[in-house]
C-alpha atoms as a PDB file:
ATOM      1  CA  UNK A   1     195.126 -54.615 208.589  1.00  0.00           C
ATOM      2  CA  UNK A   2     192.716 -55.402 205.855  1.00  0.00           C
ATOM      3  CA  UNK A   3     193.266 -53.857 202.520  1.00  0.00           C
ATOM      4  CA  UNK A   4     190.690 -51.201 201.600  1.00  0.00           C
ATOM      5  CA  UNK A   5     189.506 -50.715 198.074  1.00  0.00           C
ATOM      6  CA  UNK A   6     189.251 -46.977 197.554  1.00  0.00           C
ATOM      7  CA  UNK A   7     188.051 -47.282 193.975  1.00  0.00           C
ATOM      8  CA  UNK A   8     184.731 -49.022 194.629  1.00  0.00           C
ATOM      9  CA  UNK A   9     181.854 -47.203 196.222  1.00  0.00           C
ATOM     10  CA  UNK A  10     179.068 -48.880 198.200  1.00  0.00           C
ATOM     11  CA  UNK A  11     175.751 -47.038 198.272  1.00  0.00           C
ATOM     12  CA  UNK A  12     173.810 -47.917 201.372  1.00  0.00           C
ATOM     13  CA  UNK A  13     170.667 -45.990 200.627  1.00  0.00           C
ATOM     14  CA  UNK A  14     169.749 -43.953 197.626  1.00  0.00           C
ATOM     15  CA  UNK A  15     167.249 -41.178 198.207  1.00  0.00           C
ATOM     16  CA  UNK A  16     164.342 -40.975 195.841  1.00  0.00           C
ATOM     17  CA  UNK A  17     163.288 -37.656 194.367  1.00  0.00           C
ATOM     18  CA  UNK A  18     161.923 -35.156 196.853  1.00  0.00           C
ATOM     19  CA  UNK A  19     158.230 -34.378 196.670  1.00  0.00           C
ATOM     20  CA  UNK A  20     158.917 -31.113 194.870  1.00  0.00           C
ATOM     21  CA  UNK A  21     161.130 -32.840 192.328  1.00  0.00           C
ATOM     22  CA  UNK A  22     158.634 -35.667 191.840  1.00  0.00           C
ATOM     23  CA  UNK A  23     155.895 -33.167 191.106  1.00  0.00           C
ATOM     24  CA  UNK A  24     157.903 -31.148 188.584  1.00  0.00           C
ATOM     25  CA  UNK A  25     156.992 -31.248 184.919  1.00  0.00           C
ATOM     26  CA  UNK A  26     160.382 -32.774 184.053  1.00  0.00           C
ATOM     27  CA  UNK A  27     159.962 -35.639 186.513  1.00  0.00           C
ATOM     28  CA  UNK A  28     156.472 -36.400 185.215  1.00  0.00           C
ATOM     29  CA  UNK A  29     157.548 -36.474 181.571  1.00  0.00           C
ATOM     30  CA  UNK A  30     160.611 -38.612 182.417  1.00  0.00           C
ATOM     31  CA  UNK A  31     158.402 -41.104 184.264  1.00  0.00           C
ATOM     32  CA  UNK A  32     155.990 -41.204 181.318  1.00  0.00           C
ATOM     33  CA  UNK A  33     158.897 -41.869 178.923  1.00  0.00           C
ATOM     34  CA  UNK A  34     160.068 -44.765 181.099  1.00  0.00           C
ATOM     35  CA  UNK A  35     156.542 -46.177 180.887  1.00  0.00           C
ATOM     36  CA  UNK A  36     155.774 -45.776 184.577  1.00  0.00           C
ATOM     37  CA  UNK A  37     152.234 -45.235 185.733  1.00  0.00           C
ATOM     38  CA  UNK A  38     151.666 -41.564 186.505  1.00  0.00           C
ATOM     39  CA  UNK A  39     148.578 -40.309 188.318  1.00  0.00           C
ATOM     40  CA  UNK A  40     147.821 -36.610 188.189  1.00  0.00           C
ATOM     41  CA  UNK A  41     144.983 -34.858 189.940  1.00  0.00           C
ATOM     42  CA  UNK A  42     144.124 -31.198 189.974  1.00  0.00           C
ATOM     43  CA  UNK A  43     143.394 -29.777 193.377  1.00  0.00           C
ATOM     44  CA  UNK A  44     140.375 -27.505 193.593  1.00  0.00           C
ATOM     45  CA  UNK A  45     141.292 -23.927 194.640  1.00  0.00           C
ATOM     46  CA  UNK A  46     144.821 -25.059 195.488  1.00  0.00           C
ATOM     47  CA  UNK A  47     147.128 -22.333 196.706  1.00  0.00           C
ATOM     48  CA  UNK A  48     144.312 -19.886 197.231  1.00  0.00           C
ATOM     49  CA  UNK A  49     142.699 -18.667 200.393  1.00  0.00           C
ATOM     50  CA  UNK A  50     139.151 -19.575 199.449  1.00  0.00           C
ATOM     51  CA  UNK A  51     137.274 -20.555 202.573  1.00  0.00           C
ATOM     52  CA  UNK A  52     133.972 -18.902 201.715  1.00  0.00           C
ATOM     53  CA  UNK A  53     133.401 -19.534 198.055  1.00  0.00           C
ATOM     54  CA  UNK A  54     130.216 -18.736 196.194  1.00  0.00           C
ATOM     55  CA  UNK A  55     129.139 -22.152 195.035  1.00  0.00           C
ATOM     56  CA  UNK A  56     127.429 -22.825 191.756  1.00  0.00           C
ATOM     57  CA  UNK A  57     124.136 -23.426 193.549  1.00  0.00           C
ATOM     58  CA  UNK A  58     124.247 -20.000 195.214  1.00  0.00           C
ATOM     59  CA  UNK A  59     124.941 -18.291 191.901  1.00  0.00           C
ATOM     60  CA  UNK A  60     122.153 -20.311 190.308  1.00  0.00           C
ATOM     61  CA  UNK A  61     119.765 -19.244 193.084  1.00  0.00           C
ATOM     62  CA  UNK A  62     120.701 -15.600 192.513  1.00  0.00           C
ATOM     63  CA  UNK A  63     119.969 -15.887 188.777  1.00  0.00           C
ATOM     64  CA  UNK A  64     116.764 -17.829 189.352  1.00  0.00           C
ATOM     65  CA  UNK A  65     113.409 -16.208 188.737  1.00  0.00           C
ATOM     66  CA  UNK A  66     110.455 -15.929 191.089  1.00  0.00           C
ATOM     67  CA  UNK A  67     110.467 -19.559 192.223  1.00  0.00           C
ATOM     68  CA  UNK A  68     113.581 -19.580 194.412  1.00  0.00           C
ATOM     69  CA  UNK A  69     113.993 -15.976 195.526  1.00  0.00           C
ATOM     70  CA  UNK A  70     113.893 -14.835 199.154  1.00  0.00           C
ATOM     71  CA  UNK A  71     110.706 -13.075 200.195  1.00  0.00           C
ATOM     72  CA  UNK A  72     111.143  -9.482 201.308  1.00  0.00           C
ATOM     73  CA  UNK A  73     109.155  -7.320 203.696  1.00  0.00           C
ATOM     74  CA  UNK A  74     106.129  -5.862 201.849  1.00  0.00           C
ATOM     75  CA  UNK A  75     106.158  -2.084 201.302  1.00  0.00           C
ATOM     76  CA  UNK A  76     102.862  -1.882 203.199  1.00  0.00           C
ATOM     77  CA  UNK A  77     104.679  -3.088 206.333  1.00  0.00           C
ATOM     78  CA  UNK A  78     107.437  -0.528 205.731  1.00  0.00           C
ATOM     79  CA  UNK A  79     104.868   2.273 205.588  1.00  0.00           C
ATOM     80  CA  UNK A  80     103.216   1.052 208.808  1.00  0.00           C
ATOM     81  CA  UNK A  81     106.614   1.052 210.553  1.00  0.00           C
ATOM     82  CA  UNK A  82     107.288   4.608 209.344  1.00  0.00           C
ATOM     83  CA  UNK A  83     103.862   5.837 210.483  1.00  0.00           C
ATOM     84  CA  UNK A  84     104.095   4.127 213.862  1.00  0.00           C
ATOM     85  CA  UNK A  85     107.612   5.434 214.405  1.00  0.00           C
ATOM     86  CA  UNK A  86     106.658   9.014 213.502  1.00  0.00           C
ATOM     87  CA  UNK A  87     103.501   8.831 215.691  1.00  0.00           C
ATOM     88  CA  UNK A  88     105.712   7.919 218.650  1.00  0.00           C
ATOM     89  CA  UNK A  89     108.196  10.673 217.690  1.00  0.00           C
ATOM     90  CA  UNK A  90     111.067   8.230 217.132  1.00  0.00           C
ATOM     91  CA  UNK A  91     113.835   8.382 214.546  1.00  0.00           C
ATOM     92  CA  UNK A  92     115.106   5.218 212.879  1.00  0.00           C
ATOM     93  CA  UNK A  93     118.102   5.316 215.207  1.00  0.00           C
ATOM     94  CA  UNK A  94     115.885   5.752 218.304  1.00  0.00           C
ATOM     95  CA  UNK A  95     113.688   2.816 217.297  1.00  0.00           C
ATOM     96  CA  UNK A  96     116.743   0.675 216.556  1.00  0.00           C
ATOM     97  CA  UNK A  97     118.208   1.481 219.966  1.00  0.00           C
ATOM     98  CA  UNK A  98     114.902   0.690 221.642  1.00  0.00           C
ATOM     99  CA  UNK A  99     114.725  -2.803 220.102  1.00  0.00           C
ATOM    100  CA  UNK A 100     118.500  -3.480 220.288  1.00  0.00           C
ATOM    101  CA  UNK A 101     119.067  -3.617 216.530  1.00  0.00           C
ATOM    102  CA  UNK A 102     121.206  -1.582 214.128  1.00  0.00           C
ATOM    103  CA  UNK A 103     119.638   1.489 212.462  1.00  0.00           C
ATOM    104  CA  UNK A 104     120.315  -0.135 209.066  1.00  0.00           C
ATOM    105  CA  UNK A 105     117.901  -2.952 210.020  1.00  0.00           C
ATOM    106  CA  UNK A 106     115.075  -0.426 210.526  1.00  0.00           C
ATOM    107  CA  UNK A 107     115.963   1.306 207.242  1.00  0.00           C
ATOM    108  CA  UNK A 108     115.891  -2.050 205.397  1.00  0.00           C
ATOM    109  CA  UNK A 109     112.493  -2.950 206.874  1.00  0.00           C
ATOM    110  CA  UNK A 110     111.036   0.436 205.947  1.00  0.00           C
ATOM    111  CA  UNK A 111     112.312   0.303 202.364  1.00  0.00           C
ATOM    112  CA  UNK A 112     111.240  -3.320 201.889  1.00  0.00           C
ATOM    113  CA  UNK A 113     114.777  -4.655 201.378  1.00  0.00           C
ATOM    114  CA  UNK A 114     114.883  -6.835 204.505  1.00  0.00           C
ATOM    115  CA  UNK A 115     114.151 -10.539 204.628  1.00  0.00           C
ATOM    116  CA  UNK A 116     111.469 -10.824 207.339  1.00  0.00           C
ATOM    117  CA  UNK A 117     112.587 -12.111 210.718  1.00  0.00           C
ATOM    118  CA  UNK A 118     109.812 -12.848 213.190  1.00  0.00           C
ATOM    119  CA  UNK A 119     111.921 -11.874 216.198  1.00  0.00           C
ATOM    120  CA  UNK A 120     112.734  -8.442 214.770  1.00  0.00           C
ATOM    121  CA  UNK A 121     109.150  -7.954 213.558  1.00  0.00           C
ATOM    122  CA  UNK A 122     107.872  -8.773 217.053  1.00  0.00           C
ATOM    123  CA  UNK A 123     110.249  -6.256 218.647  1.00  0.00           C
ATOM    124  CA  UNK A 124     109.185  -3.524 216.200  1.00  0.00           C
ATOM    125  CA  UNK A 125     105.482  -4.353 216.765  1.00  0.00           C
ATOM    126  CA  UNK A 126     105.877  -3.960 220.532  1.00  0.00           C
ATOM    127  CA  UNK A 127     107.927  -0.764 220.172  1.00  0.00           C
ATOM    128  CA  UNK A 128     105.478   1.055 217.848  1.00  0.00           C
ATOM    129  CA  UNK A 129     102.300  -0.635 219.107  1.00  0.00           C
ATOM    130  CA  UNK A 130     101.034  -1.686 215.663  1.00  0.00           C
ATOM    131  CA  UNK A 131     100.609  -5.126 214.097  1.00  0.00           C
ATOM    132  CA  UNK A 132     103.021  -5.913 211.264  1.00  0.00           C
ATOM    133  CA  UNK A 133     102.111  -9.555 210.625  1.00  0.00           C
ATOM    134  CA  UNK A 134      98.945 -11.394 209.707  1.00  0.00           C
ATOM    135  CA  UNK A 135      95.764  -9.956 208.205  1.00  0.00           C
ATOM    136  CA  UNK A 136      95.453  -6.963 210.509  1.00  0.00           C
ATOM    137  CA  UNK A 137      98.600  -5.085 209.443  1.00  0.00           C
ATOM    138  CA  UNK A 138      98.512  -1.534 210.804  1.00  0.00           C
ATOM    139  CA  UNK A 139      95.921  -2.262 213.530  1.00  0.00           C
ATOM    140  CA  UNK A 140      96.781  -1.386 217.130  1.00  0.00           C
ATOM    141  CA  UNK A 141      98.516  -4.152 219.018  1.00  0.00           C
ATOM    142  CA  UNK A 142      96.483  -5.479 221.927  1.00  0.00           C
ATOM    143  CA  UNK A 143      98.698  -5.710 225.005  1.00  0.00           C
ATOM    144  CA  UNK A 144      98.973  -9.247 226.323  1.00  0.00           C
ATOM    145  CA  UNK A 145      97.553  -9.766 229.796  1.00  0.00           C
ATOM    146  CA  UNK A 146     100.312  -9.883 232.376  1.00  0.00           C
ATOM    147  CA  UNK A 147     100.650 -13.133 234.291  1.00  0.00           C
ATOM    148  CA  UNK A 148     100.288 -12.889 238.036  1.00  0.00           C
END
Protein backbone atom coordinates (compact mmCIF):
# COMPACT_ATOMS: atom_id res chain seq x y z
CA UNK A 1 0.00 0.00 0.00
CA UNK A 2 1.06 3.52 -0.64
CA UNK A 3 2.24 5.55 2.24
CA UNK A 4 -0.15 8.34 3.26
CA UNK A 5 1.08 11.65 4.54
CA UNK A 6 -1.23 12.60 7.38
CA UNK A 7 0.55 15.86 8.10
CA UNK A 8 -0.17 17.64 4.81
CA UNK A 9 -3.62 18.85 3.96
CA UNK A 10 -4.93 19.34 0.42
CA UNK A 11 -7.70 21.91 0.03
CA UNK A 12 -9.82 21.12 -2.98
CA UNK A 13 -12.09 24.12 -2.86
CA UNK A 14 -12.09 27.05 -0.53
CA UNK A 15 -15.41 28.77 -0.04
CA UNK A 16 -15.46 32.51 -0.37
CA UNK A 17 -17.28 34.64 2.17
CA UNK A 18 -21.04 34.22 2.22
CA UNK A 19 -23.12 37.12 0.96
CA UNK A 20 -23.92 38.20 4.50
CA UNK A 21 -20.27 38.13 5.49
CA UNK A 22 -19.22 39.96 2.32
CA UNK A 23 -21.69 42.72 3.06
CA UNK A 24 -20.64 43.20 6.69
CA UNK A 25 -18.81 46.33 7.74
CA UNK A 26 -15.75 44.29 8.75
CA UNK A 27 -15.48 42.61 5.35
CA UNK A 28 -15.78 45.94 3.55
CA UNK A 29 -13.09 47.62 5.64
CA UNK A 30 -10.78 44.59 5.29
CA UNK A 31 -11.21 44.67 1.50
CA UNK A 32 -10.48 48.41 1.46
CA UNK A 33 -7.31 47.85 3.52
CA UNK A 34 -6.13 45.20 1.05
CA UNK A 35 -6.66 47.75 -1.72
CA UNK A 36 -9.46 45.85 -3.43
CA UNK A 37 -12.10 47.70 -5.37
CA UNK A 38 -15.26 47.99 -3.30
CA UNK A 39 -18.57 49.14 -4.77
CA UNK A 40 -21.30 50.19 -2.38
CA UNK A 41 -24.79 51.25 -3.33
CA UNK A 42 -27.64 52.26 -1.10
CA UNK A 43 -30.94 50.63 -1.91
CA UNK A 44 -33.94 52.93 -1.90
CA UNK A 45 -36.54 51.95 0.75
CA UNK A 46 -34.69 48.69 1.38
CA UNK A 47 -36.19 46.48 4.05
CA UNK A 48 -39.41 48.44 4.16
CA UNK A 49 -42.82 47.60 2.85
CA UNK A 50 -43.26 50.72 0.75
CA UNK A 51 -45.30 49.86 -2.30
CA UNK A 52 -47.39 53.02 -2.43
CA UNK A 53 -45.06 55.85 -1.59
CA UNK A 54 -45.93 59.51 -1.85
CA UNK A 55 -43.44 60.71 -4.41
CA UNK A 56 -41.83 64.10 -4.37
CA UNK A 57 -43.97 65.21 -7.30
CA UNK A 58 -47.19 64.37 -5.44
CA UNK A 59 -46.06 66.31 -2.38
CA UNK A 60 -45.03 69.19 -4.62
CA UNK A 61 -48.46 69.16 -6.28
CA UNK A 62 -50.14 69.27 -2.87
CA UNK A 63 -48.06 72.30 -1.83
CA UNK A 64 -48.55 74.03 -5.17
CA UNK A 65 -50.79 77.06 -5.45
CA UNK A 66 -53.70 77.64 -7.80
CA UNK A 67 -51.94 76.46 -10.96
CA UNK A 68 -51.81 72.71 -10.31
CA UNK A 69 -54.69 72.06 -7.93
CA UNK A 70 -57.65 69.79 -8.73
CA UNK A 71 -60.88 71.60 -9.54
CA UNK A 72 -63.74 70.92 -7.15
CA UNK A 73 -67.49 70.98 -7.63
CA UNK A 74 -68.74 74.59 -7.32
CA UNK A 75 -70.93 75.36 -4.29
CA UNK A 76 -73.67 76.49 -6.67
CA UNK A 77 -73.90 72.91 -7.98
CA UNK A 78 -74.01 71.60 -4.41
CA UNK A 79 -76.96 73.87 -3.62
CA UNK A 80 -78.79 72.75 -6.78
CA UNK A 81 -78.29 69.10 -5.77
CA UNK A 82 -79.65 69.82 -2.28
CA UNK A 83 -82.69 71.67 -3.65
CA UNK A 84 -83.44 69.02 -6.26
CA UNK A 85 -83.05 66.24 -3.71
CA UNK A 86 -85.34 67.94 -1.18
CA UNK A 87 -87.93 68.73 -3.90
CA UNK A 88 -88.08 65.02 -4.72
CA UNK A 89 -88.23 64.17 -0.98
CA UNK A 90 -84.97 62.19 -1.05
CA UNK A 91 -82.29 61.95 1.62
CA UNK A 92 -78.62 61.81 0.68
CA UNK A 93 -78.71 58.06 1.29
CA UNK A 94 -81.83 57.62 -0.89
CA UNK A 95 -80.27 59.58 -3.75
CA UNK A 96 -77.02 57.62 -3.42
CA UNK A 97 -78.92 54.34 -3.55
CA UNK A 98 -80.87 55.51 -6.58
CA UNK A 99 -77.71 56.30 -8.57
CA UNK A 100 -75.66 53.36 -7.19
CA UNK A 101 -73.09 55.48 -5.36
CA UNK A 102 -72.06 55.78 -1.71
CA UNK A 103 -73.84 58.39 0.47
CA UNK A 104 -70.44 60.02 1.10
CA UNK A 105 -70.21 60.82 -2.64
CA UNK A 106 -73.47 62.81 -2.46
CA UNK A 107 -72.28 64.58 0.70
CA UNK A 108 -68.98 65.51 -1.00
CA UNK A 109 -70.79 66.88 -4.07
CA UNK A 110 -73.16 68.94 -1.93
CA UNK A 111 -70.37 70.43 0.20
CA UNK A 112 -68.16 71.13 -2.82
CA UNK A 113 -65.37 68.76 -1.75
CA UNK A 114 -65.71 66.32 -4.66
CA UNK A 115 -63.64 66.36 -7.82
CA UNK A 116 -66.26 66.44 -10.60
CA UNK A 117 -66.90 63.20 -12.44
CA UNK A 118 -69.12 63.45 -15.49
CA UNK A 119 -70.60 59.99 -14.99
CA UNK A 120 -71.68 60.74 -11.42
CA UNK A 121 -72.91 64.22 -12.40
CA UNK A 122 -75.00 62.69 -15.18
CA UNK A 123 -76.56 60.16 -12.79
CA UNK A 124 -77.41 62.89 -10.27
CA UNK A 125 -78.87 65.11 -13.04
CA UNK A 126 -81.18 62.31 -14.19
CA UNK A 127 -82.18 61.42 -10.62
CA UNK A 128 -83.12 64.97 -9.54
CA UNK A 129 -84.17 66.24 -12.98
CA UNK A 130 -82.00 69.38 -12.91
CA UNK A 131 -78.97 70.37 -14.98
CA UNK A 132 -75.68 70.46 -13.07
CA UNK A 133 -73.28 71.15 -15.95
CA UNK A 134 -72.94 73.87 -18.54
CA UNK A 135 -74.44 77.36 -18.48
CA UNK A 136 -77.95 76.35 -17.44
CA UNK A 137 -77.15 75.00 -13.96
CA UNK A 138 -80.37 74.53 -11.99
CA UNK A 139 -82.66 74.48 -15.05
CA UNK A 140 -84.99 71.51 -15.53
CA UNK A 141 -83.48 68.66 -17.49
CA UNK A 142 -85.23 68.02 -20.79
CA UNK A 143 -85.90 64.30 -21.15
CA UNK A 144 -84.19 62.82 -24.18
CA UNK A 145 -86.54 61.43 -26.81
CA UNK A 146 -86.74 57.67 -26.60
CA UNK A 147 -85.55 55.76 -29.65
CA UNK A 148 -88.09 53.51 -31.28
